[in-house]
Amino acid sequence: MTLLIALTLFVLAVFLGMELISKVPSTLHTPLMSGSNAVSGITLIGALVSAGTDHSTLTTVLGFVAVVLATINVVGGFLVTGRMLSMFSTGRSKRS
């Protein structure tokens, strides 16, 4: 029964996330990436804790997958944010 509840919660979270992201205007996606980096950092910490516990092989594997995906999200967010900030830099800082 616990697996069914967890699976239902996961499906609802995916659906809600897709609905929320699709309603955000494209001009706000880049500024929101900075905020999502903070959330992904929290997710990364939770994934590390989950991967480090030795409850079962399933929790370790799912924790590892969560660590990989959260790391990709954090790194991608920093790259996008850095690229966005470089668009607003002046000519002086581009020379150095």
N, C-alpha and C. Protein backbone atom coordinates (compact mmCIF):
# COMPACT_ATOMS: atom_id res chain seq x y z
N MET A 1 0.82 -1.20 0.00
CA MET A 1 0.00 0.00 0.00
C MET A 1 0.87 1.26 0.00
N THR A 2 2.00 1.23 0.69
CA THR A 2 2.89 2.39 0.74
C THR A 2 3.44 2.73 -0.65
N LEU A 3 3.77 1.70 -1.42
CA LEU A 3 4.29 1.92 -2.77
C LEU A 3 3.24 2.60 -3.65
N LEU A 4 1.99 2.20 -3.51
CA LEU A 4 0.92 2.80 -4.29
C LEU A 4 0.73 4.27 -3.93
N ILE A 5 0.82 4.60 -2.66
CA ILE A 5 0.70 6.00 -2.23
C ILE A 5 1.88 6.81 -2.75
N ALA A 6 3.09 6.27 -2.66
CA ALA A 6 4.28 6.97 -3.14
C ALA A 6 4.21 7.18 -4.65
N LEU A 7 3.75 6.17 -5.38
CA LEU A 7 3.64 6.29 -6.83
C LEU A 7 2.58 7.32 -7.22
N THR A 8 1.47 7.33 -6.52
CA THR A 8 0.43 8.32 -6.77
C THR A 8 0.94 9.73 -6.50
N LEU A 9 1.65 9.91 -5.40
CA LEU A 9 2.22 11.21 -5.07
C LEU A 9 3.23 11.66 -6.12
N PHE A 10 4.04 10.74 -6.61
CA PHE A 10 5.02 11.06 -7.65
C PHE A 10 4.33 11.51 -8.94
N VAL A 11 3.31 10.77 -9.35
CA VAL A 11 2.60 11.12 -10.59
C VAL A 11 1.93 12.49 -10.44
N LEU A 12 1.32 12.75 -9.30
CA LEU A 12 0.69 14.05 -9.08
C LEU A 12 1.72 15.18 -9.06
N ALA A 13 2.89 14.93 -8.48
CA ALA A 13 3.94 15.95 -8.45
C ALA A 13 4.46 16.25 -9.85
N VAL A 14 4.62 15.21 -10.67
CA VAL A 14 5.06 15.43 -12.05
C VAL A 14 4.02 16.22 -12.83
N PHE A 15 2.76 15.85 -12.69
CA PHE A 15 1.69 16.56 -13.39
C PHE A 15 1.62 18.02 -12.94
N LEU A 16 1.66 18.27 -11.64
CA LEU A 16 1.59 19.62 -11.12
C LEU A 16 2.79 20.45 -11.57
N GLY A 17 3.97 19.86 -11.54
CA GLY A 17 5.18 20.56 -11.98
C GLY A 17 5.11 20.95 -13.45
N MET A 18 4.64 20.04 -14.28
CA MET A 18 4.53 20.35 -15.71
C MET A 18 3.49 21.44 -15.95
N GLU A 19 2.39 21.40 -15.22
CA GLU A 19 1.37 22.43 -15.37
C GLU A 19 1.89 23.79 -14.93
N LEU A 20 2.61 23.83 -13.82
CA LEU A 20 3.14 25.11 -13.34
C LEU A 20 4.17 25.69 -14.28
N ILE A 21 5.08 24.87 -14.75
CA ILE A 21 6.14 25.36 -15.63
C ILE A 21 5.57 25.82 -16.97
N SER A 22 4.56 25.12 -17.47
CA SER A 22 4.00 25.51 -18.76
C SER A 22 3.25 26.84 -18.69
N LYS A 23 2.82 27.25 -17.50
CA LYS A 23 2.08 28.51 -17.34
C LYS A 23 3.01 29.71 -17.12
N VAL A 24 4.29 29.49 -16.91
CA VAL A 24 5.23 30.59 -16.68
C VAL A 24 5.65 31.18 -18.03
N PRO A 25 5.57 32.50 -18.18
CA PRO A 25 6.01 33.12 -19.45
C PRO A 25 7.50 32.88 -19.68
N SER A 26 7.88 32.79 -20.94
CA SER A 26 9.28 32.47 -21.26
C SER A 26 10.25 33.54 -20.77
N THR A 27 9.80 34.78 -20.60
CA THR A 27 10.70 35.83 -20.11
C THR A 27 11.08 35.64 -18.64
N LEU A 28 10.31 34.83 -17.93
CA LEU A 28 10.62 34.60 -16.51
C LEU A 28 11.40 33.32 -16.25
N HIS A 29 11.60 32.50 -17.26
CA HIS A 29 12.27 31.22 -17.03
C HIS A 29 13.70 31.39 -16.51
N THR A 30 14.47 32.30 -17.10
CA THR A 30 15.85 32.47 -16.68
C THR A 30 15.97 33.03 -15.27
N PRO A 31 15.23 34.07 -14.89
CA PRO A 31 15.32 34.52 -13.49
C PRO A 31 14.85 33.45 -12.49
N LEU A 32 13.88 32.64 -12.89
CA LEU A 32 13.42 31.59 -11.99
C LEU A 32 14.45 30.47 -11.83
N MET A 33 15.38 30.39 -12.79
CA MET A 33 16.42 29.35 -12.70
C MET A 33 17.27 29.55 -11.46
N SER A 34 17.53 30.78 -11.07
CA SER A 34 18.32 31.04 -9.86
C SER A 34 17.60 30.51 -8.63
N GLY A 35 16.30 30.73 -8.59
CA GLY A 35 15.52 30.20 -7.46
C GLY A 35 15.46 28.70 -7.47
N SER A 36 15.40 28.12 -8.65
CA SER A 36 15.34 26.66 -8.71
C SER A 36 16.68 26.04 -8.34
N ASN A 37 17.77 26.79 -8.47
CA ASN A 37 19.06 26.28 -8.02
C ASN A 37 19.06 26.04 -6.51
N ALA A 38 18.42 26.93 -5.77
CA ALA A 38 18.33 26.74 -4.33
C ALA A 38 17.50 25.52 -3.99
N VAL A 39 16.40 25.34 -4.69
CA VAL A 39 15.56 24.16 -4.45
C VAL A 39 16.31 22.89 -4.85
N SER A 40 17.04 22.94 -5.96
CA SER A 40 17.81 21.77 -6.38
C SER A 40 18.93 21.45 -5.41
N GLY A 41 19.49 22.48 -4.79
CA GLY A 41 20.51 22.24 -3.77
C GLY A 41 19.93 21.50 -2.58
N ILE A 42 18.72 21.86 -2.18
CA ILE A 42 18.05 21.15 -1.09
C ILE A 42 17.73 19.72 -1.51
N THR A 43 17.29 19.56 -2.76
CA THR A 43 17.03 18.22 -3.29
C THR A 43 18.30 17.39 -3.31
N LEU A 44 19.40 18.01 -3.67
CA LEU A 44 20.68 17.31 -3.70
C LEU A 44 21.07 16.82 -2.31
N ILE A 45 20.87 17.63 -1.30
CA ILE A 45 21.19 17.20 0.07
C ILE A 45 20.30 16.03 0.49
N GLY A 46 19.00 16.12 0.19
CA GLY A 46 18.10 15.02 0.50
C GLY A 46 18.46 13.75 -0.24
N ALA A 47 18.87 13.89 -1.50
CA ALA A 47 19.27 12.72 -2.28
C ALA A 47 20.54 12.09 -1.73
N LEU A 48 21.48 12.91 -1.28
CA LEU A 48 22.70 12.37 -0.68
C LEU A 48 22.39 11.60 0.60
N VAL A 49 21.48 12.14 1.40
CA VAL A 49 21.08 11.44 2.63
C VAL A 49 20.41 10.12 2.28
N SER A 50 19.53 10.15 1.29
CA SER A 50 18.83 8.93 0.88
C SER A 50 19.78 7.89 0.31
N ALA A 51 20.74 8.33 -0.49
CA ALA A 51 21.69 7.40 -1.07
C ALA A 51 22.64 6.85 -0.01
N GLY A 52 22.89 7.63 1.03
CA GLY A 52 23.82 7.20 2.07
C GLY A 52 23.23 6.25 3.09
N THR A 53 21.91 6.25 3.23
CA THR A 53 21.30 5.31 4.17
C THR A 53 21.32 3.92 3.58
N ASP A 54 21.36 2.95 4.43
CA ASP A 54 21.48 1.57 3.96
C ASP A 54 20.20 0.79 4.25
N HIS A 55 19.06 1.40 3.89
CA HIS A 55 17.79 0.71 4.13
C HIS A 55 17.60 -0.45 3.17
N SER A 56 17.76 -0.19 1.89
CA SER A 56 17.65 -1.25 0.89
C SER A 56 18.41 -0.82 -0.36
N THR A 57 18.55 -1.75 -1.26
CA THR A 57 19.23 -1.45 -2.52
C THR A 57 18.43 -0.46 -3.34
N LEU A 58 17.10 -0.56 -3.29
CA LEU A 58 16.24 0.35 -4.04
C LEU A 58 16.43 1.79 -3.60
N THR A 59 16.50 2.05 -2.30
CA THR A 59 16.69 3.42 -1.82
C THR A 59 18.06 3.95 -2.21
N THR A 60 19.05 3.10 -2.21
CA THR A 60 20.39 3.53 -2.61
C THR A 60 20.43 3.88 -4.09
N VAL A 61 19.82 3.04 -4.91
CA VAL A 61 19.81 3.30 -6.36
C VAL A 61 19.00 4.55 -6.68
N LEU A 62 17.82 4.68 -6.09
CA LEU A 62 17.00 5.87 -6.33
C LEU A 62 17.68 7.12 -5.80
N GLY A 63 18.36 7.01 -4.67
CA GLY A 63 19.12 8.14 -4.14
C GLY A 63 20.24 8.55 -5.06
N PHE A 64 20.93 7.57 -5.63
CA PHE A 64 22.02 7.86 -6.57
C PHE A 64 21.49 8.56 -7.82
N VAL A 65 20.37 8.05 -8.36
CA VAL A 65 19.77 8.67 -9.54
C VAL A 65 19.34 10.10 -9.21
N ALA A 66 18.78 10.31 -8.03
CA ALA A 66 18.37 11.66 -7.62
C ALA A 66 19.58 12.58 -7.48
N VAL A 67 20.69 12.06 -6.98
CA VAL A 67 21.91 12.86 -6.86
C VAL A 67 22.39 13.29 -8.25
N VAL A 68 22.40 12.37 -9.18
CA VAL A 68 22.85 12.68 -10.54
C VAL A 68 21.95 13.74 -11.19
N LEU A 69 20.63 13.54 -11.11
CA LEU A 69 19.71 14.47 -11.74
C LEU A 69 19.73 15.85 -11.08
N ALA A 70 19.81 15.90 -9.76
CA ALA A 70 19.86 17.18 -9.07
C ALA A 70 21.17 17.91 -9.37
N THR A 71 22.26 17.17 -9.49
CA THR A 71 23.55 17.79 -9.83
C THR A 71 23.50 18.38 -11.23
N ILE A 72 22.92 17.65 -12.17
CA ILE A 72 22.78 18.17 -13.53
C ILE A 72 21.94 19.45 -13.53
N ASN A 73 20.88 19.45 -12.74
CA ASN A 73 20.01 20.61 -12.67
C ASN A 73 20.72 21.81 -12.06
N VAL A 74 21.48 21.60 -11.00
CA VAL A 74 22.20 22.71 -10.36
C VAL A 74 23.27 23.27 -11.30
N VAL A 75 24.06 22.40 -11.91
CA VAL A 75 25.12 22.86 -12.81
C VAL A 75 24.52 23.58 -14.02
N GLY A 76 23.46 23.01 -14.60
CA GLY A 76 22.81 23.67 -15.73
C GLY A 76 22.24 25.02 -15.35
N GLY A 77 21.68 25.10 -14.15
CA GLY A 77 21.13 26.38 -13.69
C GLY A 77 22.20 27.43 -13.53
N PHE A 78 23.35 27.04 -12.98
CA PHE A 78 24.45 28.00 -12.84
C PHE A 78 24.99 28.43 -14.21
N LEU A 79 25.05 27.51 -15.15
CA LEU A 79 25.52 27.87 -16.49
C LEU A 79 24.57 28.85 -17.17
N VAL A 80 23.27 28.59 -17.05
CA VAL A 80 22.28 29.49 -17.66
C VAL A 80 22.32 30.85 -16.97
N THR A 81 22.42 30.86 -15.64
CA THR A 81 22.47 32.12 -14.91
C THR A 81 23.73 32.90 -15.28
N GLY A 82 24.86 32.22 -15.38
CA GLY A 82 26.10 32.89 -15.78
C GLY A 82 26.02 33.45 -17.18
N ARG A 83 25.39 32.71 -18.07
CA ARG A 83 25.23 33.21 -19.44
C ARG A 83 24.31 34.43 -19.47
N MET A 84 23.24 34.37 -18.66
CA MET A 84 22.32 35.51 -18.60
C MET A 84 23.02 36.74 -18.05
N LEU A 85 23.80 36.57 -16.99
CA LEU A 85 24.51 37.70 -16.40
C LEU A 85 25.56 38.27 -17.35
N SER A 86 26.18 37.43 -18.16
CA SER A 86 27.17 37.93 -19.11
C SER A 86 26.53 38.79 -20.20
N MET A 87 25.25 38.59 -20.45
CA MET A 87 24.55 39.42 -21.43
C MET A 87 24.40 40.85 -20.94
N PHE A 88 24.39 41.04 -19.62
CA PHE A 88 24.20 42.37 -19.05
C PHE A 88 25.52 43.04 -18.67
N SER A 89 26.64 42.39 -18.92
CA SER A 89 27.92 42.99 -18.56
C SER A 89 28.29 44.06 -19.59
N THR A 90 29.10 45.00 -19.14
CA THR A 90 29.52 46.09 -20.03
C THR A 90 30.74 45.66 -20.83
N GLY A 91 31.15 46.47 -21.78
CA GLY A 91 32.30 46.16 -22.62
C GLY A 91 33.60 46.07 -21.84
N ARG A 92 33.70 46.82 -20.70
CA ARG A 92 34.93 46.78 -19.89
C ARG A 92 35.22 45.39 -19.37
N SER A 93 34.21 44.73 -18.82
CA SER A 93 34.46 43.44 -18.17
C SER A 93 34.64 42.32 -19.21
N LYS A 94 34.23 42.53 -20.44
CA LYS A 94 34.42 41.52 -21.47
C LYS A 94 35.87 41.45 -21.93
N ARG A 95 36.60 42.58 -21.82
CA ARG A 95 38.00 42.60 -22.24
C ARG A 95 38.91 41.90 -21.26
N SER A 96 38.57 41.90 -19.99
CA SER A 96 39.48 41.30 -19.00
C SER A 96 39.21 39.86 -18.76
